């Protein structure tokens, strides 16, 4: 009986470990842990188009997803796309669940928290509102309900000391788990404005320009980079070298054109 119980426990543990495998790009599972020699595990927010999201075919896609996938291919590694809760990104990286955070990840204000690649794209924080809202500049947000994605660059920018007065002027400052929810709130009238990255804003407003507007006055400008665990310079150097190859042969520009209509690259040798 003891042998039977021991066997059953062992079988259960084996099944449990198998269930913890990480999904690869095609949705299959792999038991290879992050950081192993033949895999490259990228942590990303799957609700952050155009950088990372679920496409119409049910597969993960986006600008950063395509860049990471091509990068892994050139490094001779299997890409493992790991969706994460954005507010748990540090825990995922520190536990070794992911090798890097690559998903419209702002470097500014976080320079000492990660080992960074060089900036590969400039970004700006803007405000979206309805065209008939009467909001034309940042000062018009006084008394209004403004929403951001929790732990986003927009939240960080608005909570920066440079925007203390602006933030204090809001009637309410709300955070939600993802920007899809924020846009539904804006559409329903539950909020008056959304603070958001310009790339995400342009993507979300495509085809809806008659109803919404991006304020000309911006909140702040920033740079995107790939964040690795502090001290993991070896993997950072390998990825950055591969990215520069993609810049040189035009692959970076080709992927960028598909998502933004121009080459966003800021990488330089």
C-alpha atoms as a PDB file:
ATOM      1  CA  UNK A   1       0.000   0.000   0.000  1.00  0.00           C
ATOM      2  CA  UNK A   2       2.883   2.400   0.817  1.00  0.00           C
ATOM      3  CA  UNK A   3       4.406   1.728  -2.599  1.00  0.00           C
ATOM      4  CA  UNK A   4       1.059   2.399  -4.308  1.00  0.00           C
ATOM      5  CA  UNK A   5       0.634   5.700  -2.442  1.00  0.00           C
ATOM      6  CA  UNK A   6       4.213   6.775  -3.206  1.00  0.00           C
ATOM      7  CA  UNK A   7       3.729   5.983  -6.895  1.00  0.00           C
ATOM      8  CA  UNK A   8       0.478   7.954  -6.995  1.00  0.00           C
ATOM      9  CA  UNK A   9       2.147  10.980  -5.376  1.00  0.00           C
ATOM     10  CA  UNK A  10       5.049  10.820  -7.811  1.00  0.00           C
ATOM     11  CA  UNK A  11       2.673  10.619 -10.767  1.00  0.00           C
ATOM     12  CA  UNK A  12       0.721  13.601  -9.460  1.00  0.00           C
ATOM     13  CA  UNK A  13       3.881  15.656  -9.072  1.00  0.00           C
ATOM     14  CA  UNK A  14       4.956  14.772 -12.598  1.00  0.00           C
ATOM     15  CA  UNK A  15       1.587  15.841 -14.036  1.00  0.00           C
ATOM     16  CA  UNK A  16       1.675  19.058 -12.014  1.00  0.00           C
ATOM     17  CA  UNK A  17       5.142  19.928 -13.288  1.00  0.00           C
ATOM     18  CA  UNK A  18       4.072  19.212 -16.857  1.00  0.00           C
ATOM     19  CA  UNK A  19       1.095  21.528 -16.461  1.00  0.00           C
ATOM     20  CA  UNK A  20       3.434  24.360 -15.480  1.00  0.00           C
ATOM     21  CA  UNK A  21       5.140  24.403 -18.863  1.00  0.00           C
ATOM     22  CA  UNK A  22       5.282  27.733 -20.644  1.00  0.00           C
ATOM     23  CA  UNK A  23       3.437  28.425 -23.878  1.00  0.00           C
ATOM     24  CA  UNK A  24       5.502  28.911 -26.998  1.00  0.00           C
ATOM     25  CA  UNK A  25       4.581  31.187 -29.898  1.00  0.00           C
ATOM     26  CA  UNK A  26       2.267  28.592 -31.463  1.00  0.00           C
ATOM     27  CA  UNK A  27       0.497  27.925 -28.165  1.00  0.00           C
ATOM     28  CA  UNK A  28       2.278  24.629 -27.473  1.00  0.00           C
ATOM     29  CA  UNK A  29       3.811  24.100 -24.040  1.00  0.00           C
ATOM     30  CA  UNK A  30       7.446  23.649 -23.264  1.00  0.00           C
ATOM     31  CA  UNK A  31       8.961  22.507 -19.974  1.00  0.00           C
ATOM     32  CA  UNK A  32      12.175  24.408 -20.597  1.00  0.00           C
ATOM     33  CA  UNK A  33      12.611  27.063 -17.880  1.00  0.00           C
ATOM     34  CA  UNK A  34      13.324  30.690 -18.656  1.00  0.00           C
ATOM     35  CA  UNK A  35      17.001  31.305 -19.160  1.00  0.00           C
ATOM     36  CA  UNK A  36      17.793  27.810 -20.415  1.00  0.00           C
ATOM     37  CA  UNK A  37      20.224  27.652 -23.310  1.00  0.00           C
ATOM     38  CA  UNK A  38      17.727  26.914 -26.071  1.00  0.00           C
ATOM     39  CA  UNK A  39      14.860  29.241 -25.125  1.00  0.00           C
ATOM     40  CA  UNK A  40      14.263  32.970 -24.975  1.00  0.00           C
ATOM     41  CA  UNK A  41      11.285  33.784 -22.738  1.00  0.00           C
ATOM     42  CA  UNK A  42       9.780  37.221 -23.275  1.00  0.00           C
ATOM     43  CA  UNK A  43       7.384  38.732 -20.738  1.00  0.00           C
ATOM     44  CA  UNK A  44       4.746  41.045 -22.208  1.00  0.00           C
ATOM     45  CA  UNK A  45       1.303  42.552 -21.666  1.00  0.00           C
ATOM     46  CA  UNK A  46      -1.075  40.829 -24.073  1.00  0.00           C
ATOM     47  CA  UNK A  47      -3.507  43.768 -23.941  1.00  0.00           C
ATOM     48  CA  UNK A  48      -1.104  46.443 -25.158  1.00  0.00           C
ATOM     49  CA  UNK A  49      -1.517  46.864 -28.926  1.00  0.00           C
ATOM     50  CA  UNK A  50       0.331  47.487 -31.169  1.00  0.00           C
ATOM     51  CA  UNK A  51       3.275  46.218 -29.103  1.00  0.00           C
ATOM     52  CA  UNK A  52       1.765  42.985 -27.805  1.00  0.00           C
ATOM     53  CA  UNK A  53      -1.750  41.613 -28.150  1.00  0.00           C
ATOM     54  CA  UNK A  54      -3.881  38.688 -29.317  1.00  0.00           C
ATOM     55  CA  UNK A  55      -4.514  38.829 -33.064  1.00  0.00           C
ATOM     56  CA  UNK A  56      -7.703  37.920 -34.918  1.00  0.00           C
ATOM     57  CA  UNK A  57      -6.340  34.399 -35.356  1.00  0.00           C
ATOM     58  CA  UNK A  58      -5.995  33.960 -31.594  1.00  0.00           C
ATOM     59  CA  UNK A  59      -2.180  34.079 -31.707  1.00  0.00           C
ATOM     60  CA  UNK A  60       0.080  36.577 -29.948  1.00  0.00           C
ATOM     61  CA  UNK A  61       1.287  39.316 -32.240  1.00  0.00           C
ATOM     62  CA  UNK A  62       2.453  42.936 -32.229  1.00  0.00           C
ATOM     63  CA  UNK A  63       5.498  45.042 -33.028  1.00  0.00           C
ATOM     64  CA  UNK A  64       7.588  43.934 -30.046  1.00  0.00           C
ATOM     65  CA  UNK A  65       6.392  40.331 -30.426  1.00  0.00           C
ATOM     66  CA  UNK A  66       7.570  40.202 -34.042  1.00  0.00           C
ATOM     67  CA  UNK A  67      10.873  41.843 -33.124  1.00  0.00           C
ATOM     68  CA  UNK A  68      11.483  39.401 -30.260  1.00  0.00           C
ATOM     69  CA  UNK A  69      10.513  36.397 -32.367  1.00  0.00           C
ATOM     70  CA  UNK A  70      12.921  37.336 -35.156  1.00  0.00           C
ATOM     71  CA  UNK A  71      15.615  38.079 -32.590  1.00  0.00           C
ATOM     72  CA  UNK A  72      15.222  34.641 -30.974  1.00  0.00           C
ATOM     73  CA  UNK A  73      15.355  32.951 -34.388  1.00  0.00           C
ATOM     74  CA  UNK A  74      18.645  34.648 -35.222  1.00  0.00           C
ATOM     75  CA  UNK A  75      20.100  33.729 -31.836  1.00  0.00           C
ATOM     76  CA  UNK A  76      19.209  30.085 -32.461  1.00  0.00           C
ATOM     77  CA  UNK A  77      16.727  30.022 -29.566  1.00  0.00           C
ATOM     78  CA  UNK A  78      13.102  28.953 -29.256  1.00  0.00           C
ATOM     79  CA  UNK A  79      10.868  31.942 -28.547  1.00  0.00           C
ATOM     80  CA  UNK A  80       8.584  31.557 -25.522  1.00  0.00           C
ATOM     81  CA  UNK A  81       5.946  34.293 -25.346  1.00  0.00           C
ATOM     82  CA  UNK A  82       4.823  34.686 -21.742  1.00  0.00           C
ATOM     83  CA  UNK A  83       1.887  37.040 -21.025  1.00  0.00           C
ATOM     84  CA  UNK A  84       2.211  38.610 -17.591  1.00  0.00           C
ATOM     85  CA  UNK A  85       0.282  40.903 -15.284  1.00  0.00           C
ATOM     86  CA  UNK A  86       2.059  44.202 -15.771  1.00  0.00           C
ATOM     87  CA  UNK A  87       2.092  45.056 -12.082  1.00  0.00           C
ATOM     88  CA  UNK A  88       3.820  41.684 -11.391  1.00  0.00           C
ATOM     89  CA  UNK A  89       6.537  42.112 -14.021  1.00  0.00           C
ATOM     90  CA  UNK A  90       9.374  42.520 -11.519  1.00  0.00           C
ATOM     91  CA  UNK A  91       8.397  39.376  -9.650  1.00  0.00           C
ATOM     92  CA  UNK A  92       8.272  37.420 -12.928  1.00  0.00           C
ATOM     93  CA  UNK A  93      11.745  38.621 -13.890  1.00  0.00           C
ATOM     94  CA  UNK A  94      13.310  38.064 -10.474  1.00  0.00           C
ATOM     95  CA  UNK A  95      11.849  34.556 -10.163  1.00  0.00           C
ATOM     96  CA  UNK A  96      13.295  33.550 -13.538  1.00  0.00           C
ATOM     97  CA  UNK A  97       9.901  32.937 -15.136  1.00  0.00           C
ATOM     98  CA  UNK A  98      10.911  35.309 -17.943  1.00  0.00           C
ATOM     99  CA  UNK A  99      14.251  36.372 -19.412  1.00  0.00           C
ATOM    100  CA  UNK A 100      13.270  39.953 -20.179  1.00  0.00           C
ATOM    101  CA  UNK A 101      10.431  42.470 -20.323  1.00  0.00           C
ATOM    102  CA  UNK A 102       9.878  43.514 -23.930  1.00  0.00           C
ATOM    103  CA  UNK A 103       6.604  45.334 -24.526  1.00  0.00           C
ATOM    104  CA  UNK A 104       6.657  49.113 -24.884  1.00  0.00           C
ATOM    105  CA  UNK A 105       8.710  49.250 -21.680  1.00  0.00           C
ATOM    106  CA  UNK A 106       9.751  52.745 -20.605  1.00  0.00           C
ATOM    107  CA  UNK A 107      13.341  53.208 -19.474  1.00  0.00           C
ATOM    108  CA  UNK A 108      12.957  56.699 -18.020  1.00  0.00           C
ATOM    109  CA  UNK A 109      12.867  56.709 -14.239  1.00  0.00           C
ATOM    110  CA  UNK A 110      13.793  53.024 -14.133  1.00  0.00           C
ATOM    111  CA  UNK A 111      17.393  53.289 -15.287  1.00  0.00           C
ATOM    112  CA  UNK A 112      18.843  51.668 -12.148  1.00  0.00           C
ATOM    113  CA  UNK A 113      16.214  48.960 -11.714  1.00  0.00           C
ATOM    114  CA  UNK A 114      17.134  46.757 -14.696  1.00  0.00           C
ATOM    115  CA  UNK A 115      19.953  45.990 -17.092  1.00  0.00           C
ATOM    116  CA  UNK A 116      18.705  47.762 -20.209  1.00  0.00           C
ATOM    117  CA  UNK A 117      19.249  47.478 -23.905  1.00  0.00           C
ATOM    118  CA  UNK A 118      19.834  50.777 -25.650  1.00  0.00           C
ATOM    119  CA  UNK A 119      16.639  52.632 -26.489  1.00  0.00           C
ATOM    120  CA  UNK A 120      15.098  51.349 -29.710  1.00  0.00           C
ATOM    121  CA  UNK A 121      12.134  53.745 -29.915  1.00  0.00           C
ATOM    122  CA  UNK A 122      11.043  57.182 -28.718  1.00  0.00           C
ATOM    123  CA  UNK A 123       7.587  57.517 -27.201  1.00  0.00           C
ATOM    124  CA  UNK A 124       5.333  60.281 -25.946  1.00  0.00           C
ATOM    125  CA  UNK A 125       2.601  60.306 -23.299  1.00  0.00           C
ATOM    126  CA  UNK A 126      -0.609  61.911 -24.547  1.00  0.00           C
ATOM    127  CA  UNK A 127      -4.256  62.373 -23.602  1.00  0.00           C
ATOM    128  CA  UNK A 128      -7.239  61.015 -25.557  1.00  0.00           C
ATOM    129  CA  UNK A 129     -10.724  62.391 -25.132  1.00  0.00           C
ATOM    130  CA  UNK A 130     -13.980  62.609 -27.086  1.00  0.00           C
ATOM    131  CA  UNK A 131     -14.090  65.340 -29.715  1.00  0.00           C
ATOM    132  CA  UNK A 132     -17.167  66.911 -28.140  1.00  0.00           C
ATOM    133  CA  UNK A 133     -15.730  66.836 -24.594  1.00  0.00           C
ATOM    134  CA  UNK A 134     -14.651  70.482 -24.575  1.00  0.00           C
ATOM    135  CA  UNK A 135     -11.152  69.389 -23.518  1.00  0.00           C
ATOM    136  CA  UNK A 136      -8.514  70.989 -25.743  1.00  0.00           C
ATOM    137  CA  UNK A 137      -5.463  71.251 -23.493  1.00  0.00           C
ATOM    138  CA  UNK A 138      -4.101  69.693 -20.293  1.00  0.00           C
ATOM    139  CA  UNK A 139      -5.427  72.488 -18.097  1.00  0.00           C
ATOM    140  CA  UNK A 140      -8.947  71.593 -19.268  1.00  0.00           C
ATOM    141  CA  UNK A 141      -8.631  68.309 -17.351  1.00  0.00           C
ATOM    142  CA  UNK A 142      -9.248  70.171 -14.089  1.00  0.00           C
ATOM    143  CA  UNK A 143     -12.166  68.527 -12.308  1.00  0.00           C
ATOM    144  CA  UNK A 144     -12.320  65.733 -14.891  1.00  0.00           C
ATOM    145  CA  UNK A 145     -12.044  61.952 -14.462  1.00  0.00           C
ATOM    146  CA  UNK A 146      -8.783  60.729 -16.001  1.00  0.00           C
ATOM    147  CA  UNK A 147      -7.901  57.045 -16.365  1.00  0.00           C
ATOM    148  CA  UNK A 148      -4.651  55.136 -17.003  1.00  0.00           C
ATOM    149  CA  UNK A 149      -3.468  51.563 -17.034  1.00  0.00           C
ATOM    150  CA  UNK A 150      -2.071  50.589 -13.648  1.00  0.00           C
ATOM    151  CA  UNK A 151       1.751  50.655 -13.482  1.00  0.00           C
ATOM    152  CA  UNK A 152       1.862  52.200 -16.967  1.00  0.00           C
ATOM    153  CA  UNK A 153       4.216  54.867 -18.268  1.00  0.00           C
ATOM    154  CA  UNK A 154       1.336  57.339 -18.276  1.00  0.00           C
ATOM    155  CA  UNK A 155       0.700  56.764 -14.579  1.00  0.00           C
ATOM    156  CA  UNK A 156       4.397  57.229 -13.814  1.00  0.00           C
ATOM    157  CA  UNK A 157       4.530  60.411 -15.884  1.00  0.00           C
ATOM    158  CA  UNK A 158       1.496  61.953 -14.203  1.00  0.00           C
ATOM    159  CA  UNK A 159       2.739  61.026 -10.728  1.00  0.00           C
ATOM    160  CA  UNK A 160       6.138  62.574 -11.437  1.00  0.00           C
ATOM    161  CA  UNK A 161       6.927  65.728  -9.465  1.00  0.00           C
ATOM    162  CA  UNK A 162       6.865  67.745 -12.698  1.00  0.00           C
ATOM    163  CA  UNK A 163       3.116  67.142 -12.964  1.00  0.00           C
ATOM    164  CA  UNK A 164       2.071  67.539  -9.319  1.00  0.00           C
ATOM    165  CA  UNK A 165      -0.272  70.436 -10.032  1.00  0.00           C
ATOM    166  CA  UNK A 166      -1.799  68.773 -13.088  1.00  0.00           C
ATOM    167  CA  UNK A 167      -2.527  65.564 -11.179  1.00  0.00           C
ATOM    168  CA  UNK A 168      -3.971  67.464  -8.232  1.00  0.00           C
ATOM    169  CA  UNK A 169      -6.360  69.282 -10.575  1.00  0.00           C
ATOM    170  CA  UNK A 170      -8.124  66.083 -11.677  1.00  0.00           C
ATOM    171  CA  UNK A 171     -11.538  65.364 -10.243  1.00  0.00           C
ATOM    172  CA  UNK A 172     -10.546  61.685 -10.094  1.00  0.00           C
ATOM    173  CA  UNK A 173      -7.482  59.739 -11.180  1.00  0.00           C
ATOM    174  CA  UNK A 174      -8.338  56.103 -11.860  1.00  0.00           C
ATOM    175  CA  UNK A 175      -6.236  53.041 -12.719  1.00  0.00           C
ATOM    176  CA  UNK A 176      -7.485  49.954 -14.546  1.00  0.00           C
ATOM    177  CA  UNK A 177      -5.808  46.668 -15.404  1.00  0.00           C
ATOM    178  CA  UNK A 178      -5.692  47.230 -19.167  1.00  0.00           C
ATOM    179  CA  UNK A 179      -6.279  49.945 -21.747  1.00  0.00           C
ATOM    180  CA  UNK A 180      -9.095  48.034 -23.441  1.00  0.00           C
ATOM    181  CA  UNK A 181     -11.124  48.650 -20.277  1.00  0.00           C
ATOM    182  CA  UNK A 182     -10.109  52.311 -20.276  1.00  0.00           C
ATOM    183  CA  UNK A 183     -11.399  52.788 -23.830  1.00  0.00           C
ATOM    184  CA  UNK A 184     -14.714  51.160 -22.927  1.00  0.00           C
ATOM    185  CA  UNK A 185     -14.957  53.551 -19.968  1.00  0.00           C
ATOM    186  CA  UNK A 186     -14.234  56.520 -22.243  1.00  0.00           C
ATOM    187  CA  UNK A 187     -16.786  55.376 -24.804  1.00  0.00           C
ATOM    188  CA  UNK A 188     -19.480  54.933 -22.145  1.00  0.00           C
ATOM    189  CA  UNK A 189     -18.767  58.297 -20.562  1.00  0.00           C
ATOM    190  CA  UNK A 190     -17.578  56.811 -17.275  1.00  0.00           C
ATOM    191  CA  UNK A 191     -14.324  58.795 -17.663  1.00  0.00           C
ATOM    192  CA  UNK A 192     -13.490  62.027 -19.468  1.00  0.00           C
ATOM    193  CA  UNK A 193      -9.988  61.233 -20.717  1.00  0.00           C
ATOM    194  CA  UNK A 194      -7.284  58.595 -20.957  1.00  0.00           C
ATOM    195  CA  UNK A 195      -3.555  59.207 -20.534  1.00  0.00           C
ATOM    196  CA  UNK A 196      -1.671  56.805 -22.778  1.00  0.00           C
ATOM    197  CA  UNK A 197       1.390  56.113 -24.988  1.00  0.00           C
ATOM    198  CA  UNK A 198       1.179  57.763 -28.422  1.00  0.00           C
ATOM    199  CA  UNK A 199       1.801  54.481 -30.260  1.00  0.00           C
ATOM    200  CA  UNK A 200      -1.040  52.741 -28.459  1.00  0.00           C
ATOM    201  CA  UNK A 201      -3.261  55.797 -28.901  1.00  0.00           C
ATOM    202  CA  UNK A 202      -2.785  55.906 -32.675  1.00  0.00           C
ATOM    203  CA  UNK A 203      -3.450  52.183 -32.951  1.00  0.00           C
ATOM    204  CA  UNK A 204      -6.637  52.363 -30.885  1.00  0.00           C
ATOM    205  CA  UNK A 205      -8.019  55.395 -32.720  1.00  0.00           C
ATOM    206  CA  UNK A 206      -7.535  54.024 -36.240  1.00  0.00           C
ATOM    207  CA  UNK A 207     -10.924  54.296 -37.924  1.00  0.00           C
ATOM    208  CA  UNK A 208     -12.388  56.247 -34.987  1.00  0.00           C
ATOM    209  CA  UNK A 209     -10.812  59.632 -35.665  1.00  0.00           C
ATOM    210  CA  UNK A 210     -14.242  61.268 -36.086  1.00  0.00           C
ATOM    211  CA  UNK A 211     -15.193  60.522 -32.489  1.00  0.00           C
ATOM    212  CA  UNK A 212     -11.945  60.928 -30.509  1.00  0.00           C
ATOM    213  CA  UNK A 213      -9.002  63.298 -30.441  1.00  0.00           C
ATOM    214  CA  UNK A 214      -5.423  63.246 -29.141  1.00  0.00           C
ATOM    215  CA  UNK A 215      -4.511  66.511 -27.422  1.00  0.00           C
ATOM    216  CA  UNK A 216      -1.648  68.366 -29.086  1.00  0.00           C
ATOM    217  CA  UNK A 217      -0.148  69.253 -25.700  1.00  0.00           C
ATOM    218  CA  UNK A 218       1.783  66.205 -24.467  1.00  0.00           C
ATOM    219  CA  UNK A 219       2.440  65.019 -20.933  1.00  0.00           C
ATOM    220  CA  UNK A 220       6.024  63.847 -21.453  1.00  0.00           C
ATOM    221  CA  UNK A 221       8.432  62.133 -23.825  1.00  0.00           C
ATOM    222  CA  UNK A 222      10.301  58.918 -23.103  1.00  0.00           C
ATOM    223  CA  UNK A 223      12.252  56.031 -24.575  1.00  0.00           C
ATOM    224  CA  UNK A 224      11.491  52.333 -24.873  1.00  0.00           C
ATOM    225  CA  UNK A 225      14.048  49.625 -24.105  1.00  0.00           C
ATOM    226  CA  UNK A 226      14.253  45.926 -23.266  1.00  0.00           C
ATOM    227  CA  UNK A 227      14.591  45.280 -19.540  1.00  0.00           C
ATOM    228  CA  UNK A 228      16.681  42.369 -18.243  1.00  0.00           C
ATOM    229  CA  UNK A 229      17.365  41.251 -14.676  1.00  0.00           C
ATOM    230  CA  UNK A 230      19.905  43.549 -13.089  1.00  0.00           C
ATOM    231  CA  UNK A 231      23.365  42.196 -13.915  1.00  0.00           C
ATOM    232  CA  UNK A 232      22.330  39.986 -16.849  1.00  0.00           C
ATOM    233  CA  UNK A 233      24.589  41.786 -19.282  1.00  0.00           C
ATOM    234  CA  UNK A 234      25.476  38.650 -21.236  1.00  0.00           C
ATOM    235  CA  UNK A 235      21.946  38.105 -22.527  1.00  0.00           C
ATOM    236  CA  UNK A 236      21.429  41.853 -22.977  1.00  0.00           C
ATOM    237  CA  UNK A 237      24.529  42.074 -25.165  1.00  0.00           C
ATOM    238  CA  UNK A 238      23.457  39.088 -27.256  1.00  0.00           C
ATOM    239  CA  UNK A 239      19.990  40.520 -27.863  1.00  0.00           C
ATOM    240  CA  UNK A 240      21.255  44.017 -28.605  1.00  0.00           C
ATOM    241  CA  UNK A 241      23.845  42.734 -31.063  1.00  0.00           C
ATOM    242  CA  UNK A 242      21.111  40.798 -32.851  1.00  0.00           C
ATOM    243  CA  UNK A 243      18.857  43.851 -32.963  1.00  0.00           C
ATOM    244  CA  UNK A 244      21.623  45.865 -34.596  1.00  0.00           C
ATOM    245  CA  UNK A 245      21.906  43.171 -37.269  1.00  0.00           C
ATOM    246  CA  UNK A 246      18.185  43.590 -37.900  1.00  0.00           C
ATOM    247  CA  UNK A 247      18.680  47.342 -38.221  1.00  0.00           C
ATOM    248  CA  UNK A 248      21.521  46.900 -40.699  1.00  0.00           C
ATOM    249  CA  UNK A 249      19.671  44.511 -43.012  1.00  0.00           C
ATOM    250  CA  UNK A 250      16.398  46.485 -42.942  1.00  0.00           C
ATOM    251  CA  UNK A 251      14.334  43.959 -40.963  1.00  0.00           C
ATOM    252  CA  UNK A 252      13.700  46.418 -38.113  1.00  0.00           C
ATOM    253  CA  UNK A 253      12.414  49.058 -40.541  1.00  0.00           C
ATOM    254  CA  UNK A 254      10.245  46.509 -42.360  1.00  0.00           C
ATOM    255  CA  UNK A 255       8.479  45.405 -39.166  1.00  0.00           C
ATOM    256  CA  UNK A 256       8.162  49.018 -38.002  1.00  0.00           C
ATOM    257  CA  UNK A 257       6.501  50.100 -41.257  1.00  0.00           C
ATOM    258  CA  UNK A 258       3.807  47.469 -40.832  1.00  0.00           C
ATOM    259  CA  UNK A 259       2.763  48.775 -37.415  1.00  0.00           C
ATOM    260  CA  UNK A 260       3.537  52.505 -37.477  1.00  0.00           C
ATOM    261  CA  UNK A 261       3.880  53.481 -41.138  1.00  0.00           C
ATOM    262  CA  UNK A 262       7.476  54.632 -40.646  1.00  0.00           C
ATOM    263  CA  UNK A 263      10.785  53.483 -39.163  1.00  0.00           C
ATOM    264  CA  UNK A 264      10.720  54.167 -35.393  1.00  0.00           C
ATOM    265  CA  UNK A 265      14.249  52.894 -34.758  1.00  0.00           C
ATOM    266  CA  UNK A 266      16.540  54.943 -32.501  1.00  0.00           C
ATOM    267  CA  UNK A 267      19.275  52.293 -32.171  1.00  0.00           C
ATOM    268  CA  UNK A 268      22.752  53.361 -33.171  1.00  0.00           C
ATOM    269  CA  UNK A 269      26.078  51.539 -33.255  1.00  0.00           C
END
